[in-house]
Amino acid sequence: MVTATLNPAERTAALSEITTSVIDVLDQLRKTAPLQSIVFPPYPALLAQLQAAMAEAEPDLNEVARIATSDVSMSMALLKAANSPLYAVAGPVQTIGQAMNLLGLDRTATVMTGFLAQRAIRINSPHLARFWERASKRAVAMAFMARKLTGMNEDVAYTYGLFCHAGIPLMMQSCKGYAGTIAEGLARTDRSFVATENANHRTDHAVVGALVARMWRLHPHVVAAIKLHHDDHCVNSKLADPDVKNLVAMGMVAEHLMRESEGLAVEKDWLVCGEQALAWLQIQPHELADWQIELKDVYDAA
């Protein structure tokens, strides 16, 4: 079983297989002055319980159901996910047991993790009013693509899509003048968004978001991909872990599809690395148009 979270022993083993330097850099950066001013959301107790249950060789379905039903809002999130167009069934799903049977254990855990993220990372700025809506759309697009591509884990992809920009609302809450930084970063053509963040705040949302994923004990591939998702060299690098490159490249494609569906301008990252992302994932340009049509109902639900 592969989930978007790992227990300590599995994390240690996984770290030997990915770019461990990314994790090491994050651990060092956490101690630096710029990161000391960031207010990070605490590791949720319910997530700790969920990860402990999922870490068992044979996870106890009753324990996962108990955790899910311990919070009414989380139960509603599971029912909403099970009744979405992604899981079209003959009749409505009305109980947590039905939802878990339909979603499967891994997706149940992923939906619960996403719910806890939205509760812990509050949006208190009009500049980010649609943040979680767009994060959810990105996540379902990532899961959709994972089903289309060979060898991809749907739940890890979904988790990356949900968390990849989680550092933005945290910087908005903690960094003075960050709203202006967003406007400047989007407007400038001479440097990247993260370069503007670093110039103004000595850190960026990729680092902050990756640290959240690290503190919340998410899959190491998710942690590394969040850290590298604005690195122009990640998709092209021969040294980067292929699973991390998959997530970064899929994230670029998902963002492009989402922005295109909303009639927004092409993102700078796509102009720089879009062709490389499609080539790495072996996606033909004509497939994107077909995917856009298939994703319409899924976007609406998200």
C-alpha atoms as a PDB file:
ATOM      1  CA  MET A   1       0.000   0.000   0.000  1.00  0.00           C
ATOM      2  CA  VAL A   2       1.341   3.436  -0.972  1.00  0.00           C
ATOM      3  CA  THR A   3      -0.196   6.415   0.771  1.00  0.00           C
ATOM      4  CA  ALA A   4       0.501  10.118   0.855  1.00  0.00           C
ATOM      5  CA  THR A   5       1.814   9.695   4.393  1.00  0.00           C
ATOM      6  CA  LEU A   6       4.505   7.405   5.773  1.00  0.00           C
ATOM      7  CA  ASN A   7       5.405   6.183   9.220  1.00  0.00           C
ATOM      8  CA  PRO A   8       8.907   7.032  10.592  1.00  0.00           C
ATOM      9  CA  ALA A   9      10.543   3.771   9.481  1.00  0.00           C
ATOM     10  CA  GLU A  10       9.115   4.084   5.960  1.00  0.00           C
ATOM     11  CA  ARG A  11      10.179   7.728   5.760  1.00  0.00           C
ATOM     12  CA  THR A  12      13.755   6.806   6.667  1.00  0.00           C
ATOM     13  CA  ALA A  13      13.846   4.140   3.959  1.00  0.00           C
ATOM     14  CA  ALA A  14      12.253   6.444   1.391  1.00  0.00           C
ATOM     15  CA  LEU A  15      14.733   9.221   2.109  1.00  0.00           C
ATOM     16  CA  SER A  16      17.546   7.012   0.871  1.00  0.00           C
ATOM     17  CA  GLU A  17      15.793   6.751  -2.480  1.00  0.00           C
ATOM     18  CA  ILE A  18      15.047  10.401  -3.180  1.00  0.00           C
ATOM     19  CA  THR A  19      17.156  13.549  -3.266  1.00  0.00           C
ATOM     20  CA  THR A  20      18.059  13.576   0.409  1.00  0.00           C
ATOM     21  CA  SER A  21      19.854  16.893   0.020  1.00  0.00           C
ATOM     22  CA  VAL A  22      16.463  18.605  -0.462  1.00  0.00           C
ATOM     23  CA  ILE A  23      15.256  17.327   2.899  1.00  0.00           C
ATOM     24  CA  ASP A  24      18.571  18.225   4.544  1.00  0.00           C
ATOM     25  CA  VAL A  25      18.402  21.768   3.157  1.00  0.00           C
ATOM     26  CA  LEU A  26      14.869  22.179   4.498  1.00  0.00           C
ATOM     27  CA  ASP A  27      15.920  21.053   7.962  1.00  0.00           C
ATOM     28  CA  GLN A  28      18.739  23.610   7.944  1.00  0.00           C
ATOM     29  CA  LEU A  29      16.571  26.417   6.582  1.00  0.00           C
ATOM     30  CA  ARG A  30      14.008  25.845   9.329  1.00  0.00           C
ATOM     31  CA  LYS A  31      16.606  27.087  11.825  1.00  0.00           C
ATOM     32  CA  THR A  32      17.375  30.337   9.986  1.00  0.00           C
ATOM     33  CA  ALA A  33      16.058  33.762  10.924  1.00  0.00           C
ATOM     34  CA  PRO A  34      13.661  34.270   7.961  1.00  0.00           C
ATOM     35  CA  LEU A  35      11.821  31.027   8.750  1.00  0.00           C
ATOM     36  CA  GLN A  36      11.630  31.807  12.458  1.00  0.00           C
ATOM     37  CA  SER A  37       9.087  34.530  11.721  1.00  0.00           C
ATOM     38  CA  ILE A  38       6.717  32.172   9.887  1.00  0.00           C
ATOM     39  CA  VAL A  39       3.821  30.827  11.957  1.00  0.00           C
ATOM     40  CA  PHE A  40       3.496  27.188  10.895  1.00  0.00           C
ATOM     41  CA  PRO A  41       0.241  25.279  11.482  1.00  0.00           C
ATOM     42  CA  PRO A  42       0.677  22.621  14.178  1.00  0.00           C
ATOM     43  CA  TYR A  43       0.708  18.957  13.245  1.00  0.00           C
ATOM     44  CA  PRO A  44      -2.981  17.989  13.660  1.00  0.00           C
ATOM     45  CA  ALA A  45      -3.733  15.382  16.303  1.00  0.00           C
ATOM     46  CA  LEU A  46      -6.296  13.714  14.025  1.00  0.00           C
ATOM     47  CA  LEU A  47      -3.682  13.470  11.272  1.00  0.00           C
ATOM     48  CA  ALA A  48      -1.263  11.829  13.713  1.00  0.00           C
ATOM     49  CA  GLN A  49      -3.949   9.296  14.604  1.00  0.00           C
ATOM     50  CA  LEU A  50      -4.732   8.694  10.939  1.00  0.00           C
ATOM     51  CA  GLN A  51      -1.089   8.214   9.991  1.00  0.00           C
ATOM     52  CA  ALA A  52      -0.600   5.798  12.882  1.00  0.00           C
ATOM     53  CA  ALA A  53      -3.598   3.765  11.723  1.00  0.00           C
ATOM     54  CA  MET A  54      -2.415   3.758   8.104  1.00  0.00           C
ATOM     55  CA  ALA A  55       1.102   2.706   9.146  1.00  0.00           C
ATOM     56  CA  GLU A  56      -0.119  -0.685  10.331  1.00  0.00           C
ATOM     57  CA  ALA A  57       0.642  -3.660   8.076  1.00  0.00           C
ATOM     58  CA  GLU A  58      -3.111  -4.157   7.780  1.00  0.00           C
ATOM     59  CA  PRO A  59      -4.815  -0.856   8.611  1.00  0.00           C
ATOM     60  CA  ASP A  60      -7.904  -1.184  10.776  1.00  0.00           C
ATOM     61  CA  LEU A  61     -10.836   0.092   8.733  1.00  0.00           C
ATOM     62  CA  ASN A  62     -12.885   0.574  11.874  1.00  0.00           C
ATOM     63  CA  GLU A  63     -10.185   2.795  13.381  1.00  0.00           C
ATOM     64  CA  VAL A  64      -9.980   4.927  10.238  1.00  0.00           C
ATOM     65  CA  ALA A  65     -13.788   5.184  10.249  1.00  0.00           C
ATOM     66  CA  ARG A  66     -13.726   6.167  13.922  1.00  0.00           C
ATOM     67  CA  ILE A  67     -11.257   8.970  13.167  1.00  0.00           C
ATOM     68  CA  ALA A  68     -13.347  10.107  10.199  1.00  0.00           C
ATOM     69  CA  THR A  69     -16.580  10.210  12.175  1.00  0.00           C
ATOM     70  CA  SER A  70     -14.991  11.960  15.162  1.00  0.00           C
ATOM     71  CA  ASP A  71     -15.406  15.223  13.255  1.00  0.00           C
ATOM     72  CA  VAL A  72     -18.706  16.019  11.566  1.00  0.00           C
ATOM     73  CA  SER A  73     -17.147  18.377   9.031  1.00  0.00           C
ATOM     74  CA  MET A  74     -14.558  15.785   8.031  1.00  0.00           C
ATOM     75  CA  SER A  75     -17.316  13.216   7.591  1.00  0.00           C
ATOM     76  CA  MET A  76     -19.108  15.654   5.289  1.00  0.00           C
ATOM     77  CA  ALA A  77     -15.917  16.139   3.282  1.00  0.00           C
ATOM     78  CA  LEU A  78     -15.669  12.376   2.731  1.00  0.00           C
ATOM     79  CA  LEU A  79     -19.311  12.156   1.648  1.00  0.00           C
ATOM     80  CA  LYS A  80     -18.819  15.085  -0.731  1.00  0.00           C
ATOM     81  CA  ALA A  81     -15.742  13.435  -2.266  1.00  0.00           C
ATOM     82  CA  ALA A  82     -17.533  10.105  -2.673  1.00  0.00           C
ATOM     83  CA  ASN A  83     -20.477  11.817  -4.399  1.00  0.00           C
ATOM     84  CA  SER A  84     -18.291  13.816  -6.798  1.00  0.00           C
ATOM     85  CA  PRO A  85     -18.194  13.127 -10.572  1.00  0.00           C
ATOM     86  CA  LEU A  86     -14.885  11.307 -10.035  1.00  0.00           C
ATOM     87  CA  TYR A  87     -16.837   8.431  -8.490  1.00  0.00           C
ATOM     88  CA  ALA A  88     -20.115   8.390 -10.384  1.00  0.00           C
ATOM     89  CA  VAL A  89     -22.415   5.712  -8.948  1.00  0.00           C
ATOM     90  CA  ALA A  90     -26.052   4.781  -9.411  1.00  0.00           C
ATOM     91  CA  GLY A  91     -27.268   6.393  -6.199  1.00  0.00           C
ATOM     92  CA  PRO A  92     -25.985   8.880  -3.640  1.00  0.00           C
ATOM     93  CA  VAL A  93     -23.461   7.766  -1.025  1.00  0.00           C
ATOM     94  CA  GLN A  94     -25.053   8.412   2.350  1.00  0.00           C
ATOM     95  CA  THR A  95     -22.810   6.837   5.016  1.00  0.00           C
ATOM     96  CA  ILE A  96     -19.120   6.930   5.905  1.00  0.00           C
ATOM     97  CA  GLY A  97     -18.924   3.178   5.376  1.00  0.00           C
ATOM     98  CA  GLN A  98     -20.258   3.544   1.841  1.00  0.00           C
ATOM     99  CA  ALA A  99     -17.888   6.435   1.196  1.00  0.00           C
ATOM    100  CA  MET A 100     -14.857   4.445   2.399  1.00  0.00           C
ATOM    101  CA  ASN A 101     -15.852   1.440   0.303  1.00  0.00           C
ATOM    102  CA  LEU A 102     -16.162   3.610  -2.784  1.00  0.00           C
ATOM    103  CA  LEU A 103     -13.077   5.766  -2.231  1.00  0.00           C
ATOM    104  CA  GLY A 104     -10.798   3.041  -0.921  1.00  0.00           C
ATOM    105  CA  LEU A 105      -8.585   3.351   2.128  1.00  0.00           C
ATOM    106  CA  ASP A 106      -5.786   5.397   0.552  1.00  0.00           C
ATOM    107  CA  ARG A 107      -8.122   7.986  -0.989  1.00  0.00           C
ATOM    108  CA  THR A 108     -10.108   8.169   2.252  1.00  0.00           C
ATOM    109  CA  ALA A 109      -6.885   9.051   4.089  1.00  0.00           C
ATOM    110  CA  THR A 110      -5.954  11.565   1.392  1.00  0.00           C
ATOM    111  CA  VAL A 111      -9.328  13.330   1.560  1.00  0.00           C
ATOM    112  CA  MET A 112      -9.088  13.481   5.358  1.00  0.00           C
ATOM    113  CA  THR A 113      -5.571  14.938   5.133  1.00  0.00           C
ATOM    114  CA  GLY A 114      -6.808  17.587   2.707  1.00  0.00           C
ATOM    115  CA  PHE A 115      -9.686  18.498   4.992  1.00  0.00           C
ATOM    116  CA  LEU A 116      -7.313  18.929   7.940  1.00  0.00           C
ATOM    117  CA  ALA A 117      -5.053  21.130   5.805  1.00  0.00           C
ATOM    118  CA  GLN A 118      -7.917  23.454   4.918  1.00  0.00           C
ATOM    119  CA  ARG A 119      -8.924  23.701   8.558  1.00  0.00           C
ATOM    120  CA  ALA A 120      -5.369  24.383   9.763  1.00  0.00           C
ATOM    121  CA  ILE A 121      -4.292  26.837   7.046  1.00  0.00           C
ATOM    122  CA  ARG A 122      -6.888  29.576   7.197  1.00  0.00           C
ATOM    123  CA  ILE A 123      -7.345  32.155   4.459  1.00  0.00           C
ATOM    124  CA  ASN A 124      -7.696  35.659   5.862  1.00  0.00           C
ATOM    125  CA  SER A 125      -6.875  37.785   2.828  1.00  0.00           C
ATOM    126  CA  PRO A 126      -9.107  38.841  -0.090  1.00  0.00           C
ATOM    127  CA  HIS A 127      -6.071  38.308  -2.328  1.00  0.00           C
ATOM    128  CA  LEU A 128      -6.375  34.568  -1.668  1.00  0.00           C
ATOM    129  CA  ALA A 129     -10.150  34.212  -1.555  1.00  0.00           C
ATOM    130  CA  ARG A 130     -10.147  31.289  -4.010  1.00  0.00           C
ATOM    131  CA  PHE A 131      -7.008  29.619  -2.689  1.00  0.00           C
ATOM    132  CA  TRP A 132      -8.505  26.332  -1.480  1.00  0.00           C
ATOM    133  CA  GLU A 133     -10.935  26.168  -4.385  1.00  0.00           C
ATOM    134  CA  ARG A 134      -8.049  26.338  -6.822  1.00  0.00           C
ATOM    135  CA  ALA A 135      -5.919  23.974  -4.720  1.00  0.00           C
ATOM    136  CA  SER A 136      -8.753  21.435  -4.826  1.00  0.00           C
ATOM    137  CA  LYS A 137      -9.078  21.811  -8.588  1.00  0.00           C
ATOM    138  CA  ARG A 138      -5.331  21.322  -8.989  1.00  0.00           C
ATOM    139  CA  ALA A 139      -5.430  18.249  -6.756  1.00  0.00           C
ATOM    140  CA  VAL A 140      -8.257  16.547  -8.663  1.00  0.00           C
ATOM    141  CA  ALA A 141      -6.514  17.367 -11.952  1.00  0.00           C
ATOM    142  CA  MET A 142      -3.348  15.738 -10.586  1.00  0.00           C
ATOM    143  CA  ALA A 143      -5.287  12.627  -9.530  1.00  0.00           C
ATOM    144  CA  PHE A 144      -6.979  12.538 -12.955  1.00  0.00           C
ATOM    145  CA  MET A 145      -3.605  12.676 -14.702  1.00  0.00           C
ATOM    146  CA  ALA A 146      -2.136  10.009 -12.430  1.00  0.00           C
ATOM    147  CA  ARG A 147      -4.837   7.630 -13.651  1.00  0.00           C
ATOM    148  CA  LYS A 148      -3.994   8.467 -17.263  1.00  0.00           C
ATOM    149  CA  LEU A 149      -0.224   8.032 -16.929  1.00  0.00           C
ATOM    150  CA  THR A 150       1.601   4.780 -16.253  1.00  0.00           C
ATOM    151  CA  GLY A 151       3.175   4.131 -12.875  1.00  0.00           C
ATOM    152  CA  MET A 152       1.816   7.194 -11.056  1.00  0.00           C
ATOM    153  CA  ASN A 153       0.336   7.081  -7.550  1.00  0.00           C
ATOM    154  CA  GLU A 154      -3.011   8.866  -7.559  1.00  0.00           C
ATOM    155  CA  ASP A 155      -3.075   9.758  -3.872  1.00  0.00           C
ATOM    156  CA  VAL A 156       0.468  11.103  -3.743  1.00  0.00           C
ATOM    157  CA  ALA A 157      -0.306  13.197  -6.832  1.00  0.00           C
ATOM    158  CA  TYR A 158      -3.515  14.524  -5.249  1.00  0.00           C
ATOM    159  CA  THR A 159      -1.690  15.452  -2.038  1.00  0.00           C
ATOM    160  CA  TYR A 160       1.032  17.297  -3.941  1.00  0.00           C
ATOM    161  CA  GLY A 161      -1.573  19.224  -5.931  1.00  0.00           C
ATOM    162  CA  LEU A 162      -3.329  20.277  -2.745  1.00  0.00           C
ATOM    163  CA  PHE A 163      -0.218  21.307  -0.807  1.00  0.00           C
ATOM    164  CA  CYS A 164       2.142  22.658  -3.467  1.00  0.00           C
ATOM    165  CA  HIS A 165       1.240  26.329  -2.837  1.00  0.00           C
ATOM    166  CA  ALA A 166       0.445  25.970   0.871  1.00  0.00           C
ATOM    167  CA  GLY A 167       3.309  28.323   1.708  1.00  0.00           C
ATOM    168  CA  ILE A 168       1.523  31.303   0.133  1.00  0.00           C
ATOM    169  CA  PRO A 169      -1.217  31.822   2.759  1.00  0.00           C
ATOM    170  CA  LEU A 170       1.325  31.215   5.528  1.00  0.00           C
ATOM    171  CA  MET A 171       3.597  33.923   4.140  1.00  0.00           C
ATOM    172  CA  MET A 172       0.580  36.201   3.747  1.00  0.00           C
ATOM    173  CA  GLN A 173      -0.162  35.743   7.454  1.00  0.00           C
ATOM    174  CA  SER A 174       3.427  36.130   8.675  1.00  0.00           C
ATOM    175  CA  CYS A 175       5.334  38.395   6.265  1.00  0.00           C
ATOM    176  CA  LYS A 176       4.666  42.137   6.258  1.00  0.00           C
ATOM    177  CA  GLY A 177       3.959  43.455   2.775  1.00  0.00           C
ATOM    178  CA  TYR A 178       3.473  40.021   1.224  1.00  0.00           C
ATOM    179  CA  ALA A 179       0.343  41.102  -0.664  1.00  0.00           C
ATOM    180  CA  GLY A 180       2.518  43.622  -2.475  1.00  0.00           C
ATOM    181  CA  THR A 181       5.088  40.908  -3.135  1.00  0.00           C
ATOM    182  CA  ILE A 182       2.436  38.779  -4.852  1.00  0.00           C
ATOM    183  CA  ALA A 183       1.470  41.664  -7.123  1.00  0.00           C
ATOM    184  CA  GLU A 184       5.113  42.447  -7.880  1.00  0.00           C
ATOM    185  CA  GLY A 185       6.035  38.816  -8.464  1.00  0.00           C
ATOM    186  CA  LEU A 186       3.202  38.302 -10.937  1.00  0.00           C
ATOM    187  CA  ALA A 187       3.985  41.523 -12.798  1.00  0.00           C
ATOM    188  CA  ARG A 188       7.758  41.220 -13.171  1.00  0.00           C
ATOM    189  CA  THR A 189       9.181  39.641 -16.295  1.00  0.00           C
ATOM    190  CA  ASP A 190      12.858  39.914 -15.398  1.00  0.00           C
ATOM    191  CA  ARG A 191      12.840  37.332 -12.608  1.00  0.00           C
ATOM    192  CA  SER A 192      10.739  34.500 -11.219  1.00  0.00           C
ATOM    193  CA  PHE A 193       8.031  34.762  -8.583  1.00  0.00           C
ATOM    194  CA  VAL A 194      10.164  32.977  -5.993  1.00  0.00           C
ATOM    195  CA  ALA A 195      13.094  35.279  -6.778  1.00  0.00           C
ATOM    196  CA  THR A 196      10.879  38.246  -5.912  1.00  0.00           C
ATOM    197  CA  GLU A 197       9.766  36.508  -2.710  1.00  0.00           C
ATOM    198  CA  ASN A 198      13.362  35.918  -1.691  1.00  0.00           C
ATOM    199  CA  ALA A 199      14.375  39.476  -2.536  1.00  0.00           C
ATOM    200  CA  ASN A 200      11.617  40.858  -0.307  1.00  0.00           C
ATOM    201  CA  HIS A 201      11.399  38.270   2.480  1.00  0.00           C
ATOM    202  CA  ARG A 202      14.563  36.127   2.298  1.00  0.00           C
ATOM    203  CA  THR A 203      12.498  32.984   1.772  1.00  0.00           C
ATOM    204  CA  ASP A 204       9.746  31.776  -0.553  1.00  0.00           C
ATOM    205  CA  HIS A 205       6.497  29.828  -0.575  1.00  0.00           C
ATOM    206  CA  ALA A 206       8.159  26.706  -2.001  1.00  0.00           C
ATOM    207  CA  VAL A 207      10.380  26.440   1.075  1.00  0.00           C
ATOM    208  CA  VAL A 208       7.562  27.299   3.493  1.00  0.00           C
ATOM    209  CA  GLY A 209       5.132  24.852   1.873  1.00  0.00           C
ATOM    210  CA  ALA A 210       7.718  22.065   1.814  1.00  0.00           C
ATOM    211  CA  LEU A 211       8.377  22.610   5.512  1.00  0.00           C
ATOM    212  CA  VAL A 212       4.673  22.244   6.260  1.00  0.00           C
ATOM    213  CA  ALA A 213       4.640  18.954   4.352  1.00  0.00           C
ATOM    214  CA  ARG A 214       7.754  17.842   6.250  1.00  0.00           C
ATOM    215  CA  MET A 215       6.287  18.777   9.635  1.00  0.00           C
ATOM    216  CA  TRP A 216       3.042  17.018   8.759  1.00  0.00           C
ATOM    217  CA  ARG A 217       4.949  13.859   7.781  1.00  0.00           C
ATOM    218  CA  LEU A 218       3.697  13.727   4.219  1.00  0.00           C
ATOM    219  CA  HIS A 219       5.344  11.518   1.622  1.00  0.00           C
ATOM    220  CA  PRO A 220       8.997  12.573   1.029  1.00  0.00           C
ATOM    221  CA  HIS A 221       8.332  12.831  -2.706  1.00  0.00           C
ATOM    222  CA  VAL A 222       5.641  15.419  -1.940  1.00  0.00           C
ATOM    223  CA  VAL A 223       8.023  17.352   0.332  1.00  0.00           C
ATOM    224  CA  ALA A 224      10.811  17.428  -2.267  1.00  0.00           C
ATOM    225  CA  ALA A 225       8.481  18.290  -5.159  1.00  0.00           C
ATOM    226  CA  ILE A 226       6.988  21.247  -3.269  1.00  0.00           C
ATOM    227  CA  LYS A 227      10.489  22.543  -2.554  1.00  0.00           C
ATOM    228  CA  LEU A 228      11.497  22.223  -6.227  1.00  0.00           C
ATOM    229  CA  HIS A 229       8.293  23.095  -8.055  1.00  0.00           C
ATOM    230  CA  HIS A 230       9.530  26.521  -9.163  1.00  0.00           C
ATOM    231  CA  ASP A 231      13.071  25.316  -9.948  1.00  0.00           C
ATOM    232  CA  ASP A 232      13.578  25.780 -13.701  1.00  0.00           C
ATOM    233  CA  HIS A 233      16.122  22.948 -13.740  1.00  0.00           C
ATOM    234  CA  CYS A 234      14.104  20.307 -11.879  1.00  0.00           C
ATOM    235  CA  VAL A 235      12.319  18.741 -14.856  1.00  0.00           C
ATOM    236  CA  ASN A 236      15.469  18.885 -16.995  1.00  0.00           C
ATOM    237  CA  SER A 237      17.868  17.638 -14.332  1.00  0.00           C
ATOM    238  CA  LYS A 238      19.381  14.189 -14.799  1.00  0.00           C
ATOM    239  CA  LEU A 239      20.071  14.035 -11.071  1.00  0.00           C
ATOM    240  CA  ALA A 240      16.583  14.688  -9.695  1.00  0.00           C
ATOM    241  CA  ASP A 241      14.561  11.713  -8.500  1.00  0.00           C
ATOM    242  CA  PRO A 242      12.185  10.576 -11.289  1.00  0.00           C
ATOM    243  CA  ASP A 243       9.204  10.371  -8.917  1.00  0.00           C
ATOM    244  CA  VAL A 244       9.833  13.953  -7.795  1.00  0.00           C
ATOM    245  CA  LYS A 245      10.195  15.110 -11.397  1.00  0.00           C
ATOM    246  CA  ASN A 246       6.909  13.375 -12.216  1.00  0.00           C
ATOM    247  CA  LEU A 247       5.082  15.370  -9.551  1.00  0.00           C
ATOM    248  CA  VAL A 248       6.650  18.692 -10.557  1.00  0.00           C
ATOM    249  CA  ALA A 249       5.937  18.091 -14.251  1.00  0.00           C
ATOM    250  CA  MET A 250       2.367  16.935 -13.574  1.00  0.00           C
ATOM    251  CA  GLY A 251       1.847  19.985 -11.386  1.00  0.00           C
ATOM    252  CA  MET A 252       2.878  22.244 -14.254  1.00  0.00           C
ATOM    253  CA  VAL A 253       0.466  20.504 -16.617  1.00  0.00           C
ATOM    254  CA  ALA A 254      -2.361  20.606 -14.058  1.00  0.00           C
ATOM    255  CA  GLU A 255      -1.796  24.319 -13.432  1.00  0.00           C
ATOM    256  CA  HIS A 256      -1.749  24.991 -17.168  1.00  0.00           C
ATOM    257  CA  LEU A 257      -5.002  23.083 -17.717  1.00  0.00           C
ATOM    258  CA  MET A 258      -6.655  24.830 -14.790  1.00  0.00           C
ATOM    259  CA  ARG A 259      -5.604  28.308 -15.892  1.00  0.00           C
ATOM    260  CA  GLU A 260      -6.663  27.579 -19.456  1.00  0.00           C
ATOM    261  CA  SER A 261     -10.109  26.455 -18.250  1.00  0.00           C
ATOM    262  CA  GLU A 262     -10.471  29.749 -16.345  1.00  0.00           C
ATOM    263  CA  GLY A 263      -9.315  31.897 -19.274  1.00  0.00           C
ATOM    264  CA  LEU A 264      -6.229  33.095 -17.408  1.00  0.00           C
ATOM    265  CA  ALA A 265      -2.885  34.061 -18.929  1.00  0.00           C
ATOM    266  CA  VAL A 266      -0.274  31.363 -19.426  1.00  0.00           C
ATOM    267  CA  GLU A 267       1.903  30.985 -16.339  1.00  0.00           C
ATOM    268  CA  LYS A 268       5.585  31.928 -16.561  1.00  0.00           C
ATOM    269  CA  ASP A 269       6.677  28.463 -15.419  1.00  0.00           C
ATOM    270  CA  TRP A 270       4.787  26.936 -18.326  1.00  0.00           C
ATOM    271  CA  LEU A 271       6.468  29.228 -20.839  1.00  0.00           C
ATOM    272  CA  VAL A 272       9.866  28.189 -19.503  1.00  0.00           C
ATOM    273  CA  CYS A 273       9.357  24.489 -18.797  1.00  0.00           C
ATOM    274  CA  GLY A 274       6.028  23.438 -20.319  1.00  0.00           C
ATOM    275  CA  GLU A 275       7.494  21.629 -23.315  1.00  0.00           C
ATOM    276  CA  GLN A 276       9.994  19.807 -21.108  1.00  0.00           C
ATOM    277  CA  ALA A 277       7.219  18.768 -18.721  1.00  0.00           C
ATOM    278  CA  LEU A 278       5.137  17.300 -21.560  1.00  0.00           C
ATOM    279  CA  ALA A 279       8.187  15.534 -22.983  1.00  0.00           C
ATOM    280  CA  TRP A 280       9.169  14.056 -19.607  1.00  0.00           C
ATOM    281  CA  LEU A 281       5.635  12.725 -19.031  1.00  0.00           C
ATOM    282  CA  GLN A 282       5.324  11.639 -22.690  1.00  0.00           C
ATOM    283  CA  ILE A 283       2.120  13.615 -23.144  1.00  0.00           C
ATOM    284  CA  GLN A 284       1.176  14.668 -26.651  1.00  0.00           C
ATOM    285  CA  PRO A 285      -0.186  18.224 -27.033  1.00  0.00           C
ATOM    286  CA  HIS A 286      -3.446  16.966 -28.548  1.00  0.00           C
ATOM    287  CA  GLU A 287      -4.111  14.942 -25.391  1.00  0.00           C
ATOM    288  CA  LEU A 288      -4.352  18.148 -23.364  1.00  0.00           C
ATOM    289  CA  ALA A 289      -7.441  19.284 -25.277  1.00  0.00           C
ATOM    290  CA  ASP A 290      -9.143  15.953 -24.626  1.00  0.00           C
ATOM    291  CA  TRP A 291      -8.243  16.101 -20.938  1.00  0.00           C
ATOM    292  CA  GLN A 292      -9.603  19.614 -20.665  1.00  0.00           C
ATOM    293  CA  ILE A 293     -13.010  18.403 -21.828  1.00  0.00           C
ATOM    294  CA  GLU A 294     -12.954  15.431 -19.446  1.00  0.00           C
ATOM    295  CA  LEU A 295     -11.937  17.627 -16.514  1.00  0.00           C
ATOM    296  CA  LYS A 296     -14.768  20.147 -16.879  1.00  0.00           C
ATOM    297  CA  ASP A 297     -17.250  18.355 -14.632  1.00  0.00           C
ATOM    298  CA  VAL A 298     -14.512  17.479 -12.172  1.00  0.00           C
ATOM    299  CA  TYR A 299     -13.478  21.146 -11.905  1.00  0.00           C
ATOM    300  CA  ASP A 300     -17.078  22.165 -11.336  1.00  0.00           C
ATOM    301  CA  ALA A 301     -17.377  19.705  -8.470  1.00  0.00           C
ATOM    302  CA  ALA A 302     -14.118  20.868  -6.893  1.00  0.00           C
END
